[in-house]
Every structure is written in structure tokens, then in C-alpha cells.
Protein backbone atom coordinates (compact mmCIF):
# COMPACT_ATOMS: atom_id res chain seq x y z
CA MET A 1 -56.59 75.10 94.50
CA LYS A 2 -52.88 74.32 94.08
CA THR A 3 -52.94 72.05 97.13
CA LYS A 4 -55.77 69.99 95.67
CA LEU A 5 -53.93 69.70 92.36
CA ILE A 6 -50.74 68.57 94.09
CA LEU A 7 -52.59 65.99 96.19
CA PHE A 8 -54.44 64.73 93.12
CA THR A 9 -51.16 64.42 91.19
CA LEU A 10 -49.48 62.58 94.06
CA THR A 11 -52.45 60.23 94.34
CA LEU A 12 -52.33 59.40 90.64
CA ALA A 13 -48.58 58.92 90.78
CA SER A 14 -48.85 56.55 93.73
CA LEU A 15 -51.49 54.49 91.96
CA SER A 16 -49.38 54.17 88.83
CA LEU A 17 -46.09 53.41 90.60
CA SER A 18 -45.30 50.30 92.58
CA SER A 19 -44.07 51.41 95.96
CA CYS A 20 -42.09 49.51 98.55
CA VAL A 21 -44.85 48.69 101.05
CA SER A 22 -47.19 47.43 98.34
CA LEU A 23 -44.38 45.37 96.85
CA ALA A 24 -43.63 43.83 100.23
CA LEU A 25 -47.29 42.96 100.64
CA GLY A 26 -47.25 41.34 97.19
CA ALA A 27 -44.17 39.33 98.15
CA ARG A 28 -46.00 37.97 101.19
CA GLU A 29 -48.81 36.91 98.88
CA SER A 30 -46.38 34.82 96.84
CA PHE A 31 -45.67 32.80 100.00
CA GLY A 32 -49.32 31.90 100.39
CA HIS A 33 -50.56 34.71 102.66
CA LYS A 34 -53.48 36.47 101.01
CA PRO A 35 -53.54 40.08 102.26
CA SER A 36 -56.80 41.42 103.62
CA VAL A 37 -58.48 44.54 102.32
CA GLY A 38 -57.34 46.43 105.41
CA GLU A 39 -53.72 45.45 104.76
CA ARG A 40 -53.95 46.61 101.15
CA VAL A 41 -55.54 49.93 102.14
CA GLY A 42 -52.93 50.43 104.85
CA ALA A 43 -50.09 49.66 102.43
CA GLY A 44 -51.54 52.11 99.92
CA ALA A 45 -51.87 54.79 102.57
CA ILE A 46 -48.27 54.35 103.71
CA ASP A 47 -47.09 54.45 100.10
CA LEU A 48 -49.05 57.65 99.50
CA VAL A 49 -47.63 59.35 102.60
CA THR A 50 -44.06 58.32 101.80
CA LEU A 51 -44.36 59.07 98.07
CA PRO A 52 -42.47 62.41 98.25
CA VAL A 53 -39.47 60.50 99.62
CA GLN A 54 -39.82 57.52 97.28
CA LEU A 55 -40.48 59.46 94.07
CA PRO A 56 -36.89 60.72 93.51
CA ALA A 57 -35.55 57.20 94.10
CA LEU A 58 -38.08 55.70 91.69
CA ILE A 59 -37.21 58.29 89.04
CA LYS A 60 -33.49 57.65 89.54
CA MET A 61 -34.00 53.89 89.11
CA GLN A 62 -35.81 54.45 85.80
CA MET A 63 -33.13 56.71 84.32
CA PRO A 64 -30.70 55.11 81.89
CA ASP A 65 -27.08 54.92 83.04
């Protein structure tokens, strides 16, 4: 049960946070390349897998100096 709760929490966190791969895909869109659904799903999957590494950095960036 704890594993499901942790995965659910990580999934919600990844949907609410902008992660690096999704941001890079968005930057490509600003240059006129519209990403396909497969590219968006792939970027989301990579962001979800790398979320445990990205989360401390994202929290650190949001903390006041």
C-alpha cells in the first residue's frame, strides 16, 4: 500500500511541477516545432522517472535566499 501511495504522490508532483525534459520540449515548440503526442508522453515519462533526482533541486530553487 505504501508503494502505491508513494507512486501516486510522485505522479501528482510531476504533473504539478515543470521538469527539465518537458521544458526543453516546450522550448522547441517556441521555435515552430509542434511536438507530437508521443514526444509529450515520452517527455512526461522521463520526467517522472527522474523526479526523485530533480525534486531536491526544484525545492532548492524555490527556497528564498
